[in-house]
Protein backbone atom coordinates (compact mmCIF):
# COMPACT_ATOMS: atom_id res chain seq x y z
CA MET A 1 86.10 -17.09 48.14
CA ASN A 2 82.86 -15.23 47.43
CA PRO A 3 83.56 -13.19 44.29
CA LEU A 4 81.69 -10.23 45.75
CA THR A 5 84.37 -9.92 48.43
CA ILE A 6 87.29 -10.21 46.03
CA PHE A 7 87.52 -6.55 45.20
CA CYS A 8 87.18 -5.52 48.86
CA LEU A 9 90.18 -7.68 49.64
CA VAL A 10 92.06 -6.38 46.64
CA ALA A 11 91.37 -2.78 47.70
CA VAL A 12 93.11 -3.45 51.00
CA LEU A 13 96.01 -5.15 49.26
CA LEU A 14 96.23 -2.34 46.75
CA SER A 15 96.51 0.22 49.52
CA ALA A 16 99.24 -1.83 51.13
CA ALA A 17 101.05 -2.16 47.83
CA THR A 18 100.90 1.60 47.29
CA ALA A 19 102.27 2.22 50.76
CA HIS A 20 105.15 -0.25 50.25
CA ARG A 21 106.23 0.20 46.67
CA GLY A 22 109.68 -1.08 47.54
CA SER A 23 108.34 -4.61 48.01
CA ASN A 24 110.10 -7.00 45.63
CA ALA A 25 107.11 -9.33 45.63
CA ILE A 26 104.83 -6.60 44.36
CA ARG A 27 107.38 -5.37 41.85
CA ASN A 28 107.78 -8.85 40.42
CA ASN A 29 104.04 -9.15 39.87
CA LEU A 30 103.10 -5.77 38.46
CA GLN A 31 104.79 -2.67 37.18
CA PRO A 32 103.75 0.57 38.95
CA SER A 33 102.07 1.78 35.78
CA GLU A 34 99.69 -1.18 36.03
CA TRP A 35 98.44 -0.37 39.53
CA LEU A 36 94.96 1.07 39.76
CA SER A 37 94.14 4.35 41.45
CA PRO A 38 91.49 4.38 44.19
CA ARG A 39 89.13 6.15 41.76
CA GLU A 40 89.64 3.47 39.13
CA LEU A 41 88.98 0.80 41.74
CA GLU A 42 85.74 2.50 42.74
CA ASP A 43 84.58 2.51 39.13
CA MET A 44 85.29 -1.19 38.63
CA PRO A 45 82.14 -3.34 38.29
CA ALA A 46 81.70 -6.36 40.54
CA ILE A 47 82.86 -9.49 38.81
CA ASN A 48 79.38 -10.99 38.79
CA GLU A 49 78.13 -7.94 36.89
CA ILE A 50 80.40 -8.67 33.92
CA THR A 51 78.87 -10.84 31.21
CA PHE A 52 80.25 -12.13 27.93
CA GLU A 53 77.48 -10.25 26.18
CA LYS A 54 78.62 -6.96 27.76
CA LEU A 55 82.23 -7.64 26.81
CA GLN A 56 81.08 -8.29 23.26
CA GLU A 57 79.15 -5.01 23.15
CA MET A 58 82.09 -2.95 24.42
CA PRO A 59 84.75 -1.48 22.09
CA ALA A 60 87.66 -3.90 21.94
CA GLU A 61 90.19 -1.62 23.67
CA GLU A 62 87.76 -0.77 26.48
CA ALA A 63 86.87 -4.42 27.09
CA ALA A 64 90.54 -5.41 27.00
CA ASP A 65 91.36 -2.71 29.54
CA LEU A 66 88.64 -4.00 31.89
CA VAL A 67 89.72 -7.63 31.56
CA ASN A 68 93.36 -6.76 32.15
CA LYS A 69 92.55 -4.71 35.26
CA ILE A 70 90.64 -7.69 36.68
CA TYR A 71 93.54 -9.96 35.87
CA HIS A 72 96.11 -7.68 37.51
CA LEU A 73 93.96 -7.36 40.61
CA SER A 74 93.58 -11.12 40.82
CA GLN A 75 97.34 -11.57 40.66
CA MET A 76 97.96 -8.93 43.33
CA SER A 77 95.60 -10.53 45.82
CA ARG A 78 97.12 -14.02 45.47
CA ASN A 79 94.17 -15.31 47.47
CA ILE A 80 91.60 -15.86 44.74
CA GLU A 81 91.21 -19.61 44.66
CA PRO A 82 89.16 -21.53 42.10
CA SER A 83 85.73 -22.52 43.35
CA TYR A 84 83.66 -23.51 40.30
CA ALA A 85 83.91 -27.09 39.09
CA PRO A 86 80.97 -28.64 37.19
CA SER A 87 80.86 -32.40 37.63
CA PRO A 88 81.24 -34.84 34.71
CA ASN A 89 77.51 -35.56 34.66
CA GLN A 90 76.85 -31.82 34.20
CA ILE A 91 79.18 -31.30 31.24
CA PRO A 92 77.46 -32.00 27.90
CA ALA A 93 79.30 -33.69 25.06
CA PHE A 94 78.55 -35.14 21.66
CA THR A 95 80.06 -37.16 18.85
CA TYR A 96 78.97 -38.20 15.36
CA THR A 97 78.31 -41.49 13.65
CA PRO A 98 79.99 -42.20 10.28
CA THR A 99 76.73 -41.09 8.62
CA GLY A 100 76.86 -37.70 10.34
CA GLN A 101 74.23 -38.34 13.01
CA ARG A 102 74.91 -36.42 16.21
CA VAL A 103 74.99 -38.48 19.42
CA ASN A 104 74.53 -36.49 22.66
CA PHE A 105 75.77 -37.59 26.07
CA ASN A 106 77.44 -36.22 29.21
CA LEU A 107 81.14 -36.47 29.98
CA ASN A 108 80.64 -39.34 32.43
CA GLN A 109 79.14 -41.37 29.55
CA LEU A 110 82.06 -40.92 27.15
CA VAL A 111 83.35 -44.48 27.30
CA ALA A 112 79.93 -46.10 26.97
CA THR A 113 79.12 -43.89 24.01
CA ALA A 114 82.45 -44.59 22.31
CA GLN A 115 81.97 -48.33 22.71
CA GLN A 116 78.70 -48.07 20.80
CA GLN A 117 80.34 -46.41 17.79
CA PRO A 118 81.75 -48.74 15.10
CA ASN A 119 85.57 -48.71 14.95
CA PHE A 120 85.85 -45.82 17.39
CA GLY A 121 89.49 -45.02 18.10
CA LYS A 122 90.89 -47.27 15.40
CA GLN A 123 92.27 -44.14 13.78
CA GLU A 124 92.69 -40.53 14.92
CA VAL A 125 90.48 -39.19 17.73
CA THR A 126 90.14 -35.43 18.16
CA VAL A 127 88.66 -34.10 21.40
CA PHE A 128 87.39 -30.53 21.02
CA ILE A 129 86.85 -28.77 24.37
CA THR A 130 84.84 -25.56 24.03
CA GLY A 131 85.54 -22.59 26.28
CA LEU A 132 82.73 -20.10 25.63
CA PRO A 133 78.93 -20.55 25.74
CA GLN A 134 77.74 -20.91 22.17
CA GLN A 135 74.16 -20.83 23.45
CA LYS A 136 74.67 -17.15 24.34
CA LEU A 137 77.28 -16.04 21.84
CA ARG A 138 76.53 -16.27 18.13
CA ASP A 139 80.21 -15.89 17.26
CA ALA A 140 81.01 -18.90 19.44
CA ALA A 141 78.26 -20.96 17.84
CA ARG A 142 79.51 -20.07 14.37
CA ALA A 143 83.19 -20.71 15.14
CA ASN A 144 82.45 -24.03 16.83
CA GLN A 145 80.27 -25.12 13.94
CA LYS A 146 83.04 -24.29 11.46
CA LEU A 147 85.53 -26.42 13.36
CA VAL A 148 83.14 -29.34 13.81
CA GLN A 149 82.21 -29.35 10.14
CA ALA A 150 85.88 -29.12 9.14
CA TYR A 151 86.76 -32.22 11.14
CA LEU A 152 83.75 -34.12 9.85
CA GLN A 153 84.77 -33.31 6.30
CA ALA A 154 88.37 -34.31 7.00
CA TYR A 155 87.34 -37.55 8.68
CA ASN A 156 84.47 -38.78 6.52
CA GLY A 157 83.89 -36.29 3.73
CA ARG A 158 80.75 -34.77 5.21
CA VAL A 159 80.26 -31.00 5.29
CA GLN A 160 76.67 -30.70 6.56
CA VAL A 161 75.74 -32.98 9.44
CA GLN A 162 72.29 -34.39 9.98
CA GLY A 163 69.92 -32.30 12.04
CA GLU A 164 72.07 -29.15 11.93
CA GLN A 165 71.83 -26.19 9.62
CA GLY A 166 74.52 -23.60 9.05
CA ASP A 167 73.95 -20.09 10.39
CA ASP A 168 75.96 -18.40 7.68
CA SER A 169 73.44 -18.27 4.85
CA ASN A 170 74.56 -14.73 4.09
CA GLN A 171 78.22 -15.68 4.03
CA ASP A 172 80.45 -16.73 1.17
CA THR A 173 80.15 -20.51 1.18
CA SER A 174 82.97 -20.87 -1.32
CA SER A 175 85.54 -19.90 1.30
CA SER A 176 88.19 -22.31 2.49
CA GLU A 177 86.26 -22.72 5.73
CA GLU A 178 83.39 -24.21 3.74
CA SER A 179 85.16 -26.25 1.10
CA SER A 180 88.28 -28.28 0.54
CA ASN A 181 90.78 -28.47 -2.27
CA ARG A 182 90.22 -32.21 -2.67
CA PRO A 183 89.43 -33.15 -6.29
CA ASN A 184 85.72 -33.38 -7.06
CA GLY A 185 84.21 -36.78 -6.43
CA GLN A 186 87.08 -37.95 -4.25
CA GLN A 187 85.48 -39.21 -1.03
CA PRO A 188 87.73 -40.58 1.71
CA LYS A 189 87.03 -43.57 3.86
CA PRO A 190 86.29 -42.64 7.49
CA ASN A 191 89.65 -42.03 9.12
CA GLY A 192 88.90 -40.47 12.48
CA ASN A 193 86.44 -39.63 15.23
CA LEU A 194 85.45 -36.27 16.70
CA VAL A 195 84.32 -35.82 20.30
CA VAL A 196 83.10 -32.40 21.46
CA ILE A 197 83.19 -31.72 25.20
CA ASP A 198 81.04 -28.61 25.52
CA LEU A 199 82.59 -27.12 28.64
CA GLY A 200 81.59 -23.70 27.33
CA ALA A 201 77.94 -24.62 27.90
CA VAL A 202 78.50 -24.63 31.68
CA ILE A 203 80.71 -21.52 31.72
CA ARG A 204 77.67 -19.32 31.95
CA ASN A 205 79.32 -15.97 32.62
CA PHE A 206 82.65 -14.28 33.15
CA GLU A 207 82.56 -15.10 36.87
CA ASP A 208 82.46 -18.83 36.06
CA LEU A 209 85.49 -18.40 33.80
CA VAL A 210 87.46 -16.48 36.42
CA LEU A 211 86.70 -18.95 39.22
CA LEU A 212 86.86 -22.17 37.18
CA ASP A 213 88.81 -24.92 38.95
CA ILE A 214 91.00 -25.77 35.97
CA ASN A 215 92.80 -28.66 37.61
CA ARG A 216 89.69 -30.31 39.00
CA VAL A 217 87.75 -30.14 35.73
CA GLY A 218 90.86 -31.14 33.80
CA ALA A 219 91.36 -34.17 36.03
CA ALA A 220 87.79 -35.28 35.33
CA ILE A 221 88.36 -35.05 31.58
CA GLY A 222 91.75 -36.75 31.96
CA ASN A 223 90.16 -39.63 33.86
CA SER A 224 87.61 -40.03 31.06
CA LEU A 225 90.44 -40.25 28.54
CA VAL A 226 92.21 -42.83 30.71
CA GLN A 227 89.02 -44.90 30.70
CA LEU A 228 88.79 -44.45 26.95
CA THR A 229 92.21 -46.07 26.64
CA ALA A 230 91.63 -48.79 29.22
CA GLN A 231 88.07 -49.78 28.32
CA ALA A 232 87.66 -48.78 24.67
CA ASP A 233 91.19 -49.61 23.49
CA VAL A 234 91.93 -46.09 22.24
CA PRO A 235 95.74 -45.64 22.36
CA GLN A 236 97.19 -42.34 23.52
CA GLU A 237 99.10 -41.82 20.28
CA VAL A 238 95.89 -41.23 18.32
CA ILE A 239 94.35 -38.74 20.77
CA ASN A 240 94.56 -35.02 19.93
CA ILE A 241 92.95 -32.27 21.98
CA VAL A 242 91.94 -28.90 20.55
CA ALA A 243 90.69 -26.46 23.16
CA GLN A 244 89.36 -22.93 23.33
CA GLY A 245 90.26 -20.14 25.75
CA ILE A 246 90.14 -21.27 29.38
CA ALA A 247 89.54 -24.82 28.12
CA ALA A 248 93.09 -24.83 26.74
CA HIS A 249 94.35 -24.83 30.33
CA VAL A 250 91.79 -27.49 31.23
CA ALA A 251 93.27 -29.55 28.39
CA GLY A 252 96.71 -29.18 29.93
CA ALA A 253 95.41 -30.40 33.29
CA ALA A 254 93.62 -33.30 31.56
CA ALA A 255 96.80 -34.33 29.79
CA ARG A 256 98.80 -34.21 33.03
CA GLN A 257 96.18 -36.41 34.71
CA TYR A 258 96.35 -38.85 31.80
CA THR A 259 100.13 -39.06 32.17
CA ARG A 260 99.91 -39.52 35.94
CA GLN A 261 97.46 -42.39 35.53
CA THR A 262 99.03 -44.15 32.53
CA GLY A 263 102.67 -43.07 32.35
CA ASN A 264 102.09 -42.04 28.72
CA THR A 265 101.60 -38.66 27.08
CA LEU A 266 98.89 -37.67 24.65
CA ARG A 267 99.84 -36.95 21.06
CA ARG A 268 98.97 -33.26 20.69
CA ILE A 269 97.21 -30.31 22.27
CA THR A 270 96.28 -27.28 20.16
CA ALA A 271 95.27 -24.22 22.16
CA MET A 272 92.98 -21.73 20.46
CA ASP A 273 93.60 -18.36 22.10
CA PRO A 274 94.43 -19.68 25.59
CA SER A 275 93.06 -17.31 28.22
CA LYS A 276 94.53 -15.65 31.27
CA ILE A 277 94.39 -17.67 34.48
CA TYR A 278 92.78 -15.63 37.23
CA ALA A 279 92.32 -18.04 40.14
CA ARG A 280 94.77 -20.66 41.32
CA LYS A 281 95.60 -22.55 44.46
CA PRO A 282 98.94 -21.69 46.09
CA ASN A 283 101.94 -23.79 45.09
CA THR A 284 99.96 -25.68 42.48
CA LEU A 285 100.86 -26.11 38.83
CA VAL A 286 97.99 -24.91 36.69
CA GLY A 287 97.56 -24.15 33.02
CA LEU A 288 98.81 -25.43 29.70
CA THR A 289 102.56 -25.78 29.19
CA ARG A 290 104.95 -27.50 26.82
CA GLY A 291 105.44 -31.12 27.79
CA ASN A 292 101.75 -31.69 28.55
CA ALA A 293 101.62 -33.64 25.26
CA ASP A 294 104.14 -34.83 22.69
CA PHE A 295 103.45 -31.54 20.89
CA VAL A 296 101.72 -28.42 22.17
CA ASP A 297 100.92 -25.53 19.84
CA ALA A 298 98.96 -22.35 20.53
CA ILE A 299 97.26 -19.74 18.37
CA HIS A 300 96.95 -16.34 20.09
CA THR A 301 94.35 -14.03 18.55
CA SER A 302 93.42 -11.78 21.48
CA ALA A 303 96.64 -11.84 23.47
CA TYR A 304 96.07 -8.39 25.01
CA GLY A 305 92.33 -8.97 25.37
CA LEU A 306 90.57 -12.14 26.45
CA GLY A 307 93.70 -14.21 25.81
CA THR A 308 97.26 -14.08 27.12
CA THR A 309 100.72 -13.21 25.85
CA THR A 310 102.25 -15.96 27.98
CA ARG A 311 103.80 -18.76 25.98
CA ALA A 312 101.63 -21.86 26.28
CA GLY A 313 103.27 -24.47 24.06
CA ASP A 314 106.30 -25.71 22.22
CA VAL A 315 105.36 -23.21 19.53
CA ASP A 316 103.10 -20.16 19.85
CA PHE A 317 101.66 -18.42 16.79
CA TYR A 318 100.69 -14.75 16.92
CA PRO A 319 98.65 -13.73 13.84
CA ASN A 320 99.35 -10.05 13.19
CA GLY A 321 101.57 -10.06 16.26
CA PRO A 322 100.33 -10.01 19.87
CA SER A 323 97.27 -7.75 19.85
CA VAL A 324 93.81 -7.06 21.25
CA ASN A 325 91.93 -7.63 18.02
CA MET A 326 92.24 -9.40 14.69
CA PRO A 327 91.62 -7.94 11.22
CA GLY A 328 87.88 -7.97 10.59
CA THR A 329 86.80 -8.33 14.25
CA ASP A 330 85.03 -5.74 16.38
CA ASP A 331 85.38 -7.06 19.93
CA ILE A 332 87.58 -9.28 22.10
CA ILE A 333 85.12 -12.19 22.06
CA GLU A 334 85.10 -12.36 18.27
CA ALA A 335 88.87 -11.85 18.19
CA SER A 336 89.43 -14.71 20.62
CA LEU A 337 87.24 -17.00 18.51
CA ARG A 338 89.23 -16.21 15.36
CA ALA A 339 91.76 -18.79 16.54
CA THR A 340 89.03 -21.42 16.18
CA ARG A 341 88.14 -20.12 12.71
CA TYR A 342 91.80 -20.19 11.63
CA LEU A 343 92.25 -23.77 12.83
CA ALA A 344 89.03 -24.80 11.08
CA GLU A 345 90.36 -23.40 7.82
CA THR A 346 93.49 -25.55 8.07
CA VAL A 347 91.56 -28.70 8.96
CA ARG A 348 89.66 -28.57 5.67
CA PRO A 349 91.43 -31.00 3.31
CA GLY A 350 93.82 -29.18 0.99
CA ASN A 351 93.98 -26.00 3.11
CA ASP A 352 96.44 -27.15 5.75
CA ARG A 353 99.20 -24.78 4.59
CA ASN A 354 97.14 -21.62 4.31
CA PHE A 355 98.98 -19.86 7.17
CA PRO A 356 102.76 -19.67 6.59
CA ALA A 357 104.62 -18.07 9.49
CA VAL A 358 108.15 -17.03 10.44
CA ALA A 359 109.91 -16.94 13.80
CA ALA A 360 109.93 -13.31 14.92
CA GLU A 361 109.63 -11.20 18.05
CA SER A 362 107.15 -8.67 16.69
CA LEU A 363 104.94 -7.86 13.74
CA GLN A 364 107.31 -5.04 12.83
CA GLN A 365 110.25 -7.42 12.68
CA TYR A 366 108.16 -9.69 10.50
CA LYS A 367 107.17 -6.85 8.15
CA ASN A 368 110.81 -5.78 7.89
CA ASN A 369 111.67 -9.29 6.68
CA ASN A 370 113.87 -9.86 9.73
CA GLY A 371 112.26 -13.13 10.78
CA ASN A 372 114.50 -16.04 11.68
CA GLY A 373 114.72 -19.66 10.66
CA ARG A 374 112.60 -21.80 8.40
CA ARG A 375 109.00 -21.24 7.47
CA ALA A 376 106.34 -22.91 9.60
CA TYR A 377 102.62 -23.45 9.15
CA MET A 378 100.09 -22.43 11.76
CA GLY A 379 97.31 -24.93 12.34
CA ILE A 380 96.91 -28.59 11.59
CA ALA A 381 100.13 -28.81 9.53
CA ALA A 382 102.45 -27.40 12.22
CA ASP A 383 105.59 -29.53 12.43
CA TYR A 384 106.12 -31.28 15.74
CA ASP A 385 109.73 -30.10 16.03
CA LEU A 386 108.82 -26.40 16.04
CA GLU A 387 109.80 -24.22 19.00
CA GLY A 388 109.42 -20.57 19.88
CA ASP A 389 107.24 -17.66 18.78
CA TYR A 390 106.03 -17.28 15.19
CA ILE A 391 104.42 -14.28 13.51
CA LEU A 392 102.21 -14.18 10.43
CA GLN A 393 99.63 -11.96 8.79
CA VAL A 394 96.02 -12.89 8.12
CA ASN A 395 93.13 -11.65 6.01
CA ALA A 396 90.13 -9.82 7.44
CA LYS A 397 87.66 -12.21 5.80
CA SER A 398 87.63 -15.87 4.87
CA PRO A 399 89.84 -17.27 3.47
CA PHE A 400 91.87 -15.93 6.38
CA GLY A 401 95.18 -17.49 5.42
CA LYS A 402 97.65 -15.78 3.11
CA SER A 403 98.66 -19.01 1.41
CA ALA A 404 101.50 -19.04 -1.15
CA PRO A 405 101.80 -21.33 -4.18
CA ALA A 406 104.60 -23.87 -4.24
CA GLN A 407 106.50 -22.12 -7.02
CA LYS A 408 106.85 -18.97 -4.88
CA GLN A 409 108.25 -20.64 -1.77
CA ASN A 410 111.94 -20.01 -2.44
CA SER A 411 112.18 -16.55 -0.94
CA TYR A 412 110.87 -14.68 2.07
CA HIS A 413 108.84 -12.34 -0.14
CA GLY A 414 107.50 -15.25 -2.17
CA ILE A 415 106.37 -17.11 0.92
CA HIS A 416 104.78 -14.26 2.80
CA GLN A 417 103.64 -11.74 0.21
CA GLY A 418 102.77 -13.81 -2.84
CA ALA A 419 99.14 -14.91 -2.53
CA GLY A 420 97.94 -18.31 -3.62
CA ARG A 421 94.68 -16.74 -4.78
CA PRO A 422 93.51 -13.21 -5.52
CA ASN A 423 92.51 -11.43 -2.32
CA THR A 424 90.60 -8.18 -1.94
CA ASP A 425 89.77 -8.44 1.75
CA ASN A 426 92.59 -6.26 3.10
């Protein structure tokens, strides 16, 4: 459907909904307090007028309100079907050699590129699917770079990759995003491969995100992973996917396609602030859910903003509870990308337990020490048998994790209030 006609259709549906407030179907979708008045509908911008840059410039609460209104309208219409699906030869990707040299290709060339890399897939393979355009958003470029560098350090000991310079020259490079706790001089042998599928590069604006055909794009990525197994001998048990925003749902679709084609499930999917799903075909499963991989975990950092409060995995982590923003962020774009920054911090060797969390239903319950069950760790060290919702607190600046030393892990207060290092960021 042409996005310019969406709101015209929704206006009609909204009028009908207002006239028939007894309808169970409408009541099940939205509470009356979430319906928009005719005046509010008139003031809504057309979807193709909304850009990521504008959302980033808006105060967080205002941008969140706009995004949520669009989402509620899309769910009321029930006729907004996905229509944007870049083909595999349009989706850029890249990987790195053991010496840190970046190798660029398109998604349809994944297998051929992997076959040219020495020992590709002999150990862990992480596929990072971006969900926001780092070419337009500096926060996305920075967050993505942090995660890429973290994996390269974890896999082959390299922090700075050839041909790329950091954009954080004015930042504290001694943070746990920039360094590991591995003893000096201890260099690991290469023990993994990183593949970045830059889907965010072809999500040019908010309209593309809203109308993205998650299942179609996910199937294309899933087929590429099937070929990786069949032609490059990469077994499914070494494949992990980490995915950002809308790409988290694409990852779920990719994993389902992989299972349909092979009968096997991928090892793990980590969702970094999975987004709302605006457009979907009727009677079609779409989006990331538990069971898409052996283990699915999600980090929600803008649940009431660009992200979603809907559970996406076996375990869902909510830093500072479900919220619009994160400590230290000014807008919903930056808040959403904090999930990527948090994961990057845990990927750095020695920092994997920087984010202890407790099962809880709210931040208040957490602060009142009423959390349930054993401690868990958000990020790379999350145990595969975890289930449910977990709450934790984070710092406003890097290091973001409130890590606790081993000797203070015997009590709730020791785990969650004793800091592993002095911190003055709060």
